[in-house]
C-alpha atoms as a PDB file:
ATOM      1  CA  MET A   1      -0.014  -0.043   0.084  1.00  0.00           C
ATOM      2  CA  SER A   2       1.365   3.376  -0.826  1.00  0.00           C
ATOM      3  CA  SER A   3       2.198   5.925   1.755  1.00  0.00           C
ATOM      4  CA  PRO A   4       0.108   9.093   2.027  1.00  0.00           C
ATOM      5  CA  ALA A   5       0.873  11.907  -0.432  1.00  0.00           C
ATOM      6  CA  ARG A   6       3.251  14.499   0.914  1.00  0.00           C
ATOM      7  CA  GLY A   7       2.375  18.129   1.282  1.00  0.00           C
ATOM      8  CA  PRO A   8      -1.007  20.016   1.834  1.00  0.00           C
ATOM      9  CA  VAL A   9      -4.001  18.324   0.389  1.00  0.00           C
ATOM     10  CA  SER A  10      -7.375  20.000  -0.590  1.00  0.00           C
ATOM     11  CA  ALA A  11     -10.217  17.566  -0.992  1.00  0.00           C
ATOM     12  CA  PRO A  12     -13.761  18.689  -2.044  1.00  0.00           C
ATOM     13  CA  ALA A  13     -15.561  16.411   0.371  1.00  0.00           C
ATOM     14  CA  ARG A  14     -15.168  15.185   4.021  1.00  0.00           C
ATOM     15  CA  VAL A  15     -14.979  11.277   4.037  1.00  0.00           C
ATOM     16  CA  THR A  16     -15.886   9.424   7.209  1.00  0.00           C
ATOM     17  CA  PRO A  17     -15.196   5.590   7.438  1.00  0.00           C
ATOM     18  CA  ALA A  18     -18.258   3.731   8.369  1.00  0.00           C
ATOM     19  CA  GLY A  19     -19.340   0.116   8.906  1.00  0.00           C
ATOM     20  CA  LEU A  20     -16.376  -0.766  11.161  1.00  0.00           C
ATOM     21  CA  LEU A  21     -15.291  -4.344  11.373  1.00  0.00           C
ATOM     22  CA  TYR A  22     -13.051  -6.113  13.773  1.00  0.00           C
ATOM     23  CA  GLY A  23     -11.016  -9.434  14.122  1.00  0.00           C
ATOM     24  CA  ARG A  24     -11.774 -12.161  11.630  1.00  0.00           C
ATOM     25  CA  ASP A  25     -14.712 -10.119  10.121  1.00  0.00           C
ATOM     26  CA  ALA A  26     -12.250  -7.329   9.219  1.00  0.00           C
ATOM     27  CA  GLN A  27      -9.716  -9.777   7.822  1.00  0.00           C
ATOM     28  CA  SER A  28     -12.303 -11.550   5.718  1.00  0.00           C
ATOM     29  CA  ALA A  29     -13.834  -8.456   4.325  1.00  0.00           C
ATOM     30  CA  MET A  30     -10.353  -6.968   3.436  1.00  0.00           C
ATOM     31  CA  ALA A  31      -9.400 -10.301   1.762  1.00  0.00           C
ATOM     32  CA  ARG A  32     -12.569 -10.112  -0.402  1.00  0.00           C
ATOM     33  CA  GLY A  33     -11.906  -6.394  -1.246  1.00  0.00           C
ATOM     34  CA  GLU A  34     -15.167  -5.371   0.521  1.00  0.00           C
ATOM     35  CA  ALA A  35     -13.269  -3.453   3.348  1.00  0.00           C
ATOM     36  CA  GLY A  36     -10.162  -1.468   3.808  1.00  0.00           C
ATOM     37  CA  PRO A  37      -7.905  -0.979   6.775  1.00  0.00           C
ATOM     38  CA  LEU A  38      -8.479   1.923   9.107  1.00  0.00           C
ATOM     39  CA  GLY A  39      -5.124   3.554   9.811  1.00  0.00           C
ATOM     40  CA  GLY A  40      -3.212   0.361   8.676  1.00  0.00           C
ATOM     41  CA  GLY A  41      -5.583  -1.927  10.701  1.00  0.00           C
ATOM     42  CA  PRO A  42      -6.466  -4.092  12.445  1.00  0.00           C
ATOM     43  CA  ILE A  43      -9.817  -2.370  12.405  1.00  0.00           C
ATOM     44  CA  ALA A  44     -11.388  -2.318   8.823  1.00  0.00           C
ATOM     45  CA  TYR A  45     -14.149  -0.089   7.251  1.00  0.00           C
ATOM     46  CA  SER A  46     -16.694  -1.388   4.743  1.00  0.00           C
ATOM     47  CA  SER A  47     -18.231   1.959   3.733  1.00  0.00           C
ATOM     48  CA  VAL A  48     -17.689   5.573   3.815  1.00  0.00           C
ATOM     49  CA  ILE A  49     -20.087   8.621   4.322  1.00  0.00           C
ATOM     50  CA  ILE A  50     -19.274  11.425   1.911  1.00  0.00           C
ATOM     51  CA  GLU A  51     -20.259  14.928   2.716  1.00  0.00           C
ATOM     52  CA  SER A  52     -19.719  17.962   0.384  1.00  0.00           C
ATOM     53  CA  ALA A  53     -17.349  20.570   1.793  1.00  0.00           C
ATOM     54  CA  ALA A  54     -19.721  23.154   0.529  1.00  0.00           C
ATOM     55  CA  PRO A  55     -23.164  23.611   2.232  1.00  0.00           C
ATOM     56  CA  PRO A  56     -25.458  21.973   2.484  1.00  0.00           C
ATOM     57  CA  ALA A  57     -23.304  18.888   3.369  1.00  0.00           C
ATOM     58  CA  SER A  58     -25.548  16.334   1.446  1.00  0.00           C
ATOM     59  CA  PRO A  59     -24.125  13.197   3.006  1.00  0.00           C
ATOM     60  CA  SER A  60     -24.153  10.011   0.876  1.00  0.00           C
ATOM     61  CA  LEU A  61     -23.230   6.404   1.735  1.00  0.00           C
ATOM     62  CA  MET A  62     -20.713   4.549  -0.506  1.00  0.00           C
ATOM     63  CA  ARG A  63     -19.591   0.986  -0.332  1.00  0.00           C
ATOM     64  CA  TYR A  64     -16.000   0.425   0.085  1.00  0.00           C
ATOM     65  CA  ALA A  65     -15.560  -1.299  -3.433  1.00  0.00           C
ATOM     66  CA  GLN A  66     -17.249   1.670  -5.050  1.00  0.00           C
ATOM     67  CA  PHE A  67     -15.141   4.205  -2.991  1.00  0.00           C
ATOM     68  CA  ALA A  68     -11.846   2.279  -3.851  1.00  0.00           C
ATOM     69  CA  GLY A  69     -12.644   2.357  -7.508  1.00  0.00           C
ATOM     70  CA  ALA A  70     -13.779   5.915  -7.682  1.00  0.00           C
ATOM     71  CA  GLY A  71     -11.972   7.954 -10.261  1.00  0.00           C
ATOM     72  CA  ASP A  72     -11.968  11.086  -8.266  1.00  0.00           C
ATOM     73  CA  GLY A  73      -8.192  11.971  -7.393  1.00  0.00           C
ATOM     74  CA  ALA A  74      -9.117  13.804  -4.311  1.00  0.00           C
ATOM     75  CA  LEU A  75     -11.021  10.918  -2.873  1.00  0.00           C
ATOM     76  CA  GLN A  76      -8.349   8.449  -3.635  1.00  0.00           C
ATOM     77  CA  THR A  77      -5.931  10.850  -1.759  1.00  0.00           C
ATOM     78  CA  ARG A  78      -8.418  10.823   1.203  1.00  0.00           C
ATOM     79  CA  ARG A  79      -8.544   7.054   1.067  1.00  0.00           C
ATOM     80  CA  ARG A  80      -4.748   6.702   1.187  1.00  0.00           C
ATOM     81  CA  PHE A  81      -4.683   8.796   4.251  1.00  0.00           C
ATOM     82  CA  ILE A  82      -7.500   6.814   5.952  1.00  0.00           C
ATOM     83  CA  GLU A  83      -5.703   3.531   5.109  1.00  0.00           C
ATOM     84  CA  ALA A  84      -2.205   4.313   5.602  1.00  0.00           C
ATOM     85  CA  PRO A  85      -0.447   2.729   8.674  1.00  0.00           C
ATOM     86  CA  ARG A  86       0.216   5.350  11.279  1.00  0.00           C
ATOM     87  CA  THR A  87       3.792   6.334  11.983  1.00  0.00           C
ATOM     88  CA  PRO A  88       4.912   5.337  15.471  1.00  0.00           C
ATOM     89  CA  LEU A  89       4.604   8.285  17.888  1.00  0.00           C
ATOM     90  CA  ALA A  90       7.974   8.730  19.551  1.00  0.00           C
ATOM     91  CA  GLY A  91       8.624   5.145  18.750  1.00  0.00           C
ATOM     92  CA  LEU A  92       5.237   3.969  20.146  1.00  0.00           C
ATOM     93  CA  ASP A  93       3.379   1.539  17.822  1.00  0.00           C
ATOM     94  CA  CYS A  94       0.010   3.087  16.864  1.00  0.00           C
ATOM     95  CA  THR A  95      -1.814  -0.058  15.690  1.00  0.00           C
ATOM     96  CA  ARG A  96      -3.401  -0.281  19.233  1.00  0.00           C
ATOM     97  CA  PRO A  97      -4.500   2.294  21.715  1.00  0.00           C
ATOM     98  CA  ARG A  98      -1.905   3.913  23.944  1.00  0.00           C
ATOM     99  CA  ILE A  99      -2.637   5.408  27.556  1.00  0.00           C
ATOM    100  CA  MET A 100      -1.456   8.954  28.336  1.00  0.00           C
ATOM    101  CA  GLY A 101      -1.237   9.751  31.848  1.00  0.00           C
ATOM    102  CA  VAL A 102      -1.552  13.435  32.863  1.00  0.00           C
ATOM    103  CA  ILE A 103       0.567  15.294  35.340  1.00  0.00           C
ATOM    104  CA  ASN A 104      -0.203  18.836  35.933  1.00  0.00           C
ATOM    105  CA  VAL A 105       2.413  20.609  38.208  1.00  0.00           C
ATOM    106  CA  THR A 106       0.194  23.535  38.805  1.00  0.00           C
ATOM    107  CA  PRO A 107      -1.954  24.874  41.579  1.00  0.00           C
ATOM    108  CA  ASP A 108      -5.143  25.366  39.402  1.00  0.00           C
ATOM    109  CA  SER A 109      -5.643  22.730  36.771  1.00  0.00           C
ATOM    110  CA  PHE A 110      -9.141  21.270  36.513  1.00  0.00           C
ATOM    111  CA  SER A 111      -8.282  17.564  37.460  1.00  0.00           C
ATOM    112  CA  ASP A 112      -5.390  17.512  39.740  1.00  0.00           C
ATOM    113  CA  GLY A 113      -4.300  21.140  40.354  1.00  0.00           C
ATOM    114  CA  GLY A 114      -2.317  21.413  43.487  1.00  0.00           C
ATOM    115  CA  ALA A 115      -2.076  17.744  44.109  1.00  0.00           C
ATOM    116  CA  PHE A 116       1.346  17.550  42.672  1.00  0.00           C
ATOM    117  CA  GLY A 117       2.656  20.928  42.942  1.00  0.00           C
ATOM    118  CA  GLY A 118       6.062  19.731  44.251  1.00  0.00           C
ATOM    119  CA  ALA A 119       8.398  17.891  41.962  1.00  0.00           C
ATOM    120  CA  GLN A 120       8.881  14.846  44.151  1.00  0.00           C
ATOM    121  CA  ALA A 121       5.031  14.341  44.519  1.00  0.00           C
ATOM    122  CA  ALA A 122       4.720  14.653  40.658  1.00  0.00           C
ATOM    123  CA  ILE A 123       7.427  12.197  39.912  1.00  0.00           C
ATOM    124  CA  ALA A 124       5.983   9.829  42.400  1.00  0.00           C
ATOM    125  CA  HIS A 125       2.646  10.076  40.724  1.00  0.00           C
ATOM    126  CA  GLY A 126       4.211   9.535  37.299  1.00  0.00           C
ATOM    127  CA  GLU A 127       5.932   6.465  38.385  1.00  0.00           C
ATOM    128  CA  ALA A 128       2.455   5.128  39.720  1.00  0.00           C
ATOM    129  CA  LEU A 129       0.940   5.988  36.315  1.00  0.00           C
ATOM    130  CA  VAL A 130       3.588   4.037  34.419  1.00  0.00           C
ATOM    131  CA  LYS A 131       3.042   1.075  36.933  1.00  0.00           C
ATOM    132  CA  ALA A 132      -0.705   1.314  36.048  1.00  0.00           C
ATOM    133  CA  GLY A 133      -0.079   1.184  32.250  1.00  0.00           C
ATOM    134  CA  ALA A 134       0.585   4.506  31.020  1.00  0.00           C
ATOM    135  CA  ASP A 135       2.577   4.594  27.740  1.00  0.00           C
ATOM    136  CA  ILE A 136       2.882   8.547  27.716  1.00  0.00           C
ATOM    137  CA  LEU A 137       3.283  10.928  30.665  1.00  0.00           C
ATOM    138  CA  ASP A 138       1.908  14.381  29.719  1.00  0.00           C
ATOM    139  CA  ILE A 139       3.422  17.047  31.848  1.00  0.00           C
ATOM    140  CA  GLY A 140       2.145  20.435  32.175  1.00  0.00           C
ATOM    141  CA  GLY A 141       3.231  23.580  34.103  1.00  0.00           C
ATOM    142  CA  GLU A 142       0.368  26.004  32.971  1.00  0.00           C
ATOM    143  CA  SER A 143      -3.253  25.382  33.433  1.00  0.00           C
ATOM    144  CA  THR A 144      -5.543  25.618  30.542  1.00  0.00           C
ATOM    145  CA  ARG A 145      -8.571  24.889  32.216  1.00  0.00           C
ATOM    146  CA  PRO A 146     -11.581  27.258  31.500  1.00  0.00           C
ATOM    147  CA  GLY A 147     -10.867  30.582  33.177  1.00  0.00           C
ATOM    148  CA  ALA A 148      -7.137  29.880  33.693  1.00  0.00           C
ATOM    149  CA  GLN A 149      -4.637  32.782  33.787  1.00  0.00           C
ATOM    150  CA  PRO A 150      -1.423  32.427  31.814  1.00  0.00           C
ATOM    151  CA  VAL A 151       2.100  31.998  33.556  1.00  0.00           C
ATOM    152  CA  SER A 152       5.467  33.040  32.438  1.00  0.00           C
ATOM    153  CA  ALA A 153       7.822  30.634  30.502  1.00  0.00           C
ATOM    154  CA  ASP A 154      10.352  30.873  33.307  1.00  0.00           C
ATOM    155  CA  GLU A 155       7.836  29.796  35.858  1.00  0.00           C
ATOM    156  CA  GLU A 156       6.397  27.131  33.648  1.00  0.00           C
ATOM    157  CA  LEU A 157       9.963  25.690  33.003  1.00  0.00           C
ATOM    158  CA  ALA A 158      10.743  25.813  36.745  1.00  0.00           C
ATOM    159  CA  ARG A 159       7.685  23.722  37.598  1.00  0.00           C
ATOM    160  CA  ILE A 160       8.297  21.002  34.879  1.00  0.00           C
ATOM    161  CA  GLU A 161      11.882  20.622  34.103  1.00  0.00           C
ATOM    162  CA  PRO A 162      12.776  18.657  37.468  1.00  0.00           C
ATOM    163  CA  VAL A 163       9.762  16.463  36.825  1.00  0.00           C
ATOM    164  CA  ILE A 164      10.720  15.665  33.213  1.00  0.00           C
ATOM    165  CA  ALA A 165      14.223  14.836  34.280  1.00  0.00           C
ATOM    166  CA  GLY A 166      13.000  12.713  37.107  1.00  0.00           C
ATOM    167  CA  LEU A 167      10.677  10.715  34.935  1.00  0.00           C
ATOM    168  CA  ALA A 168      12.754  10.317  31.790  1.00  0.00           C
ATOM    169  CA  GLY A 169      14.001   6.882  32.805  1.00  0.00           C
ATOM    170  CA  THR A 170      10.623   5.277  33.513  1.00  0.00           C
ATOM    171  CA  GLY A 171      10.230   3.936  30.053  1.00  0.00           C
ATOM    172  CA  ALA A 172       7.151   5.950  29.349  1.00  0.00           C
ATOM    173  CA  ARG A 173       7.499   8.850  26.684  1.00  0.00           C
ATOM    174  CA  ILE A 174       7.357  12.189  28.156  1.00  0.00           C
ATOM    175  CA  SER A 175       5.070  14.741  26.677  1.00  0.00           C
ATOM    176  CA  VAL A 176       5.132  18.450  27.431  1.00  0.00           C
ATOM    177  CA  ASP A 177       1.955  20.259  27.400  1.00  0.00           C
ATOM    178  CA  THR A 178       2.783  23.810  26.586  1.00  0.00           C
ATOM    179  CA  ARG A 179       1.910  26.739  24.132  1.00  0.00           C
ATOM    180  CA  LYS A 180       5.268  28.349  24.294  1.00  0.00           C
ATOM    181  CA  ALA A 181       8.248  27.706  22.013  1.00  0.00           C
ATOM    182  CA  GLU A 182      10.745  28.488  24.857  1.00  0.00           C
ATOM    183  CA  VAL A 183       9.110  25.993  27.044  1.00  0.00           C
ATOM    184  CA  MET A 184       9.263  23.496  24.138  1.00  0.00           C
ATOM    185  CA  ARG A 185      12.855  23.809  23.702  1.00  0.00           C
ATOM    186  CA  GLY A 186      13.613  23.563  27.544  1.00  0.00           C
ATOM    187  CA  ALA A 187      11.391  20.593  27.905  1.00  0.00           C
ATOM    188  CA  LEU A 188      12.889  18.599  24.967  1.00  0.00           C
ATOM    189  CA  ALA A 189      16.323  19.234  26.308  1.00  0.00           C
ATOM    190  CA  ALA A 190      15.365  18.121  29.686  1.00  0.00           C
ATOM    191  CA  GLY A 191      14.262  14.731  28.382  1.00  0.00           C
ATOM    192  CA  ALA A 192      10.731  15.289  26.872  1.00  0.00           C
ATOM    193  CA  ALA A 193      10.056  13.326  23.522  1.00  0.00           C
ATOM    194  CA  ILE A 194       6.715  14.754  22.376  1.00  0.00           C
ATOM    195  CA  VAL A 195       5.246  18.309  22.306  1.00  0.00           C
ATOM    196  CA  ASN A 196       1.490  18.561  23.141  1.00  0.00           C
ATOM    197  CA  ASP A 197       0.205  22.116  22.329  1.00  0.00           C
ATOM    198  CA  VAL A 198      -3.402  22.964  23.025  1.00  0.00           C
ATOM    199  CA  SER A 199      -3.322  25.795  20.597  1.00  0.00           C
ATOM    200  CA  ALA A 200      -2.080  23.659  17.724  1.00  0.00           C
ATOM    201  CA  LEU A 201       1.080  25.851  17.407  1.00  0.00           C
ATOM    202  CA  THR A 202      -0.748  29.156  17.117  1.00  0.00           C
ATOM    203  CA  HIS A 203      -0.335  30.829  20.612  1.00  0.00           C
ATOM    204  CA  ASP A 204       3.365  31.534  20.096  1.00  0.00           C
ATOM    205  CA  ASP A 205       4.477  32.858  16.521  1.00  0.00           C
ATOM    206  CA  ALA A 206       7.854  31.150  17.051  1.00  0.00           C
ATOM    207  CA  SER A 207       6.302  27.566  17.615  1.00  0.00           C
ATOM    208  CA  LEU A 208       6.155  26.492  14.006  1.00  0.00           C
ATOM    209  CA  SER A 209       9.800  27.299  13.291  1.00  0.00           C
ATOM    210  CA  THR A 210      11.030  26.075  16.564  1.00  0.00           C
ATOM    211  CA  LEU A 211       9.255  22.549  16.026  1.00  0.00           C
ATOM    212  CA  ALA A 212      10.384  22.583  12.243  1.00  0.00           C
ATOM    213  CA  ALA A 213      13.953  22.656  13.634  1.00  0.00           C
ATOM    214  CA  LEU A 214      13.622  20.087  16.268  1.00  0.00           C
ATOM    215  CA  ASP A 215      13.060  16.350  15.734  1.00  0.00           C
ATOM    216  CA  ALA A 216      10.077  15.639  17.877  1.00  0.00           C
ATOM    217  CA  PRO A 217       6.515  14.554  17.533  1.00  0.00           C
ATOM    218  CA  VAL A 218       3.795  17.289  17.805  1.00  0.00           C
ATOM    219  CA  ILE A 219       0.252  16.928  18.974  1.00  0.00           C
ATOM    220  CA  LEU A 220      -2.073  19.512  17.481  1.00  0.00           C
ATOM    221  CA  MET A 221      -5.213  20.074  19.630  1.00  0.00           C
ATOM    222  CA  HIS A 222      -8.272  22.026  18.557  1.00  0.00           C
ATOM    223  CA  ALA A 223      -9.342  24.777  21.016  1.00  0.00           C
ATOM    224  CA  LYS A 224     -11.918  27.330  20.280  1.00  0.00           C
ATOM    225  CA  GLY A 225     -10.841  30.575  21.963  1.00  0.00           C
ATOM    226  CA  ASP A 226      -8.452  31.153  24.849  1.00  0.00           C
ATOM    227  CA  PRO A 227      -8.656  29.260  28.032  1.00  0.00           C
ATOM    228  CA  ARG A 228      -9.836  32.352  29.921  1.00  0.00           C
ATOM    229  CA  THR A 229     -13.076  32.708  27.713  1.00  0.00           C
ATOM    230  CA  MET A 230     -13.348  29.500  25.742  1.00  0.00           C
ATOM    231  CA  GLN A 231     -16.330  28.250  27.761  1.00  0.00           C
ATOM    232  CA  ASP A 232     -18.336  31.411  27.896  1.00  0.00           C
ATOM    233  CA  ASP A 233     -20.682  30.404  25.015  1.00  0.00           C
ATOM    234  CA  PRO A 234     -19.031  28.313  22.285  1.00  0.00           C
ATOM    235  CA  ARG A 235     -21.089  27.728  19.269  1.00  0.00           C
ATOM    236  CA  TYR A 236     -20.606  25.930  15.978  1.00  0.00           C
ATOM    237  CA  THR A 237     -22.882  25.254  12.962  1.00  0.00           C
ATOM    238  CA  ASN A 238     -21.423  21.788  12.794  1.00  0.00           C
ATOM    239  CA  VAL A 239     -18.861  20.981  15.303  1.00  0.00           C
ATOM    240  CA  ARG A 240     -17.358  17.895  13.535  1.00  0.00           C
ATOM    241  CA  HIS A 241     -16.841  19.695  10.285  1.00  0.00           C
ATOM    242  CA  GLU A 242     -15.409  22.891  11.887  1.00  0.00           C
ATOM    243  CA  VAL A 243     -12.881  21.086  14.144  1.00  0.00           C
ATOM    244  CA  TYR A 244     -11.991  18.749  11.385  1.00  0.00           C
ATOM    245  CA  ASP A 245     -11.381  21.647   8.885  1.00  0.00           C
ATOM    246  CA  ALA A 246      -9.502  23.539  11.517  1.00  0.00           C
ATOM    247  CA  LEU A 247      -7.172  20.634  12.295  1.00  0.00           C
ATOM    248  CA  GLY A 248      -6.635  19.918   8.745  1.00  0.00           C
ATOM    249  CA  ALA A 249      -5.641  23.614   8.185  1.00  0.00           C
ATOM    250  CA  ARG A 250      -3.091  23.265  11.141  1.00  0.00           C
ATOM    251  CA  VAL A 251      -1.723  20.052   9.617  1.00  0.00           C
ATOM    252  CA  SER A 252      -1.195  21.868   6.322  1.00  0.00           C
ATOM    253  CA  ALA A 253       0.401  24.795   8.222  1.00  0.00           C
ATOM    254  CA  CYS A 254       2.844  22.366   9.755  1.00  0.00           C
ATOM    255  CA  LEU A 255       3.721  20.757   6.478  1.00  0.00           C
ATOM    256  CA  THR A 256       4.249  24.054   4.839  1.00  0.00           C
ATOM    257  CA  ALA A 257       6.662  24.905   7.806  1.00  0.00           C
ATOM    258  CA  GLY A 258       8.579  21.921   7.250  1.00  0.00           C
ATOM    259  CA  ILE A 259       7.098  19.721   9.938  1.00  0.00           C
ATOM    260  CA  ALA A 260       6.703  16.145   8.420  1.00  0.00           C
ATOM    261  CA  ARG A 261       3.247  14.605   8.478  1.00  0.00           C
ATOM    262  CA  GLU A 262       5.055  11.621  10.224  1.00  0.00           C
ATOM    263  CA  ARG A 263       5.736  13.709  13.198  1.00  0.00           C
ATOM    264  CA  LEU A 264       2.063  14.859  13.520  1.00  0.00           C
ATOM    265  CA  CYS A 265      -0.852  13.709  15.821  1.00  0.00           C
ATOM    266  CA  ILE A 266      -4.124  15.454  16.259  1.00  0.00           C
ATOM    267  CA  ASP A 267      -6.610  15.954  19.089  1.00  0.00           C
ATOM    268  CA  PRO A 268     -10.146  17.385  18.704  1.00  0.00           C
ATOM    269  CA  GLY A 269      -9.969  18.916  22.106  1.00  0.00           C
ATOM    270  CA  LEU A 270     -12.822  17.720  24.074  1.00  0.00           C
ATOM    271  CA  GLY A 271     -14.050  20.472  26.535  1.00  0.00           C
ATOM    272  CA  PHE A 272     -12.007  23.199  25.044  1.00  0.00           C
ATOM    273  CA  GLY A 273     -14.504  25.549  23.671  1.00  0.00           C
ATOM    274  CA  LYS A 274     -17.051  22.925  23.510  1.00  0.00           C
ATOM    275  CA  THR A 275     -20.256  22.003  25.389  1.00  0.00           C
ATOM    276  CA  PHE A 276     -21.149  18.595  26.653  1.00  0.00           C
ATOM    277  CA  ALA A 277     -23.252  18.123  23.459  1.00  0.00           C
ATOM    278  CA  HIS A 278     -20.349  19.282  21.284  1.00  0.00           C
ATOM    279  CA  ASN A 279     -18.099  16.724  22.981  1.00  0.00           C
ATOM    280  CA  LEU A 280     -20.523  13.819  22.414  1.00  0.00           C
ATOM    281  CA  GLU A 281     -20.893  14.726  18.763  1.00  0.00           C
ATOM    282  CA  LEU A 282     -17.214  14.759  18.311  1.00  0.00           C
ATOM    283  CA  MET A 283     -16.769  11.355  20.031  1.00  0.00           C
ATOM    284  CA  GLN A 284     -19.456  10.003  17.813  1.00  0.00           C
ATOM    285  CA  GLY A 285     -17.720  11.364  14.675  1.00  0.00           C
ATOM    286  CA  LEU A 286     -14.161  10.402  15.560  1.00  0.00           C
ATOM    287  CA  PRO A 287     -13.670   8.173  12.306  1.00  0.00           C
ATOM    288  CA  LEU A 288     -13.923  11.617  10.331  1.00  0.00           C
ATOM    289  CA  PHE A 289     -10.564  12.358  11.688  1.00  0.00           C
ATOM    290  CA  ALA A 290      -8.773   9.363  10.063  1.00  0.00           C
ATOM    291  CA  GLY A 291      -8.923  11.301   6.835  1.00  0.00           C
ATOM    292  CA  LEU A 292      -6.108  13.540   7.918  1.00  0.00           C
ATOM    293  CA  GLY A 293      -3.612  10.628   7.887  1.00  0.00           C
ATOM    294  CA  VAL A 294      -2.142  10.954  11.448  1.00  0.00           C
ATOM    295  CA  PRO A 295      -2.690   9.278  14.788  1.00  0.00           C
ATOM    296  CA  LEU A 296      -5.609  10.657  16.849  1.00  0.00           C
ATOM    297  CA  LEU A 297      -5.344  11.571  20.589  1.00  0.00           C
ATOM    298  CA  VAL A 298      -8.534  11.817  22.671  1.00  0.00           C
END
């Protein structure tokens, strides 16, 4: 199977894999040419829902054999992205789900703010997460919960550098959750292997060029608005389409800046400028994001 085409891609339609198959059913259907591999497998898809990029969406169902044989070049590009095996993320095989453990070395994060404010407590928690099965440890020194206030890069680094250094030998991949290019550089130097930016490299003008020069995977998350205001009254005409299109634009921006597709991962950003109903709709529509041809984080 050919690899995804390189460079930005523009397709006239959004394509959502459907009719998902598992195990022997998936293998048999693929052998008969009735299904294709989702992200390289082992899950397969037996049909697609095609929606026009221009309103109205006009969704239509197409069986896999018809989709695979379609003469539309843009649709075939999208098919290659859907089916291509995902590049390992910091060496982690993406053919099965991976678990990310979160450690917020902050006083005000929504889940564990203040619980691991000291380096030793954060390191001990990270070790416990690895023992419980975490493949990735995501370490943040600035809260991005609704209403959170920003902190300086110096303060952020002072919080996370000793924790990253203390957990670098656990066997888990260390991810730094930051929006600042200076913090990205410092965290990677301290032992982090992945950059996780909730602004998808839009918060800091230097982020794109910084990551283009560094050899590290990048997680691009969608967020509608700034953390201080994002939950005030988030609205979408179609949340699946708008988040998908926004992430697609950020993938294209990274490719243009010289960050290879093989280094990218996307996150629809549940709860970041979304209501509970928006979150549910995104969860139901996750297969759509396979069309961007990169691993998916939720």
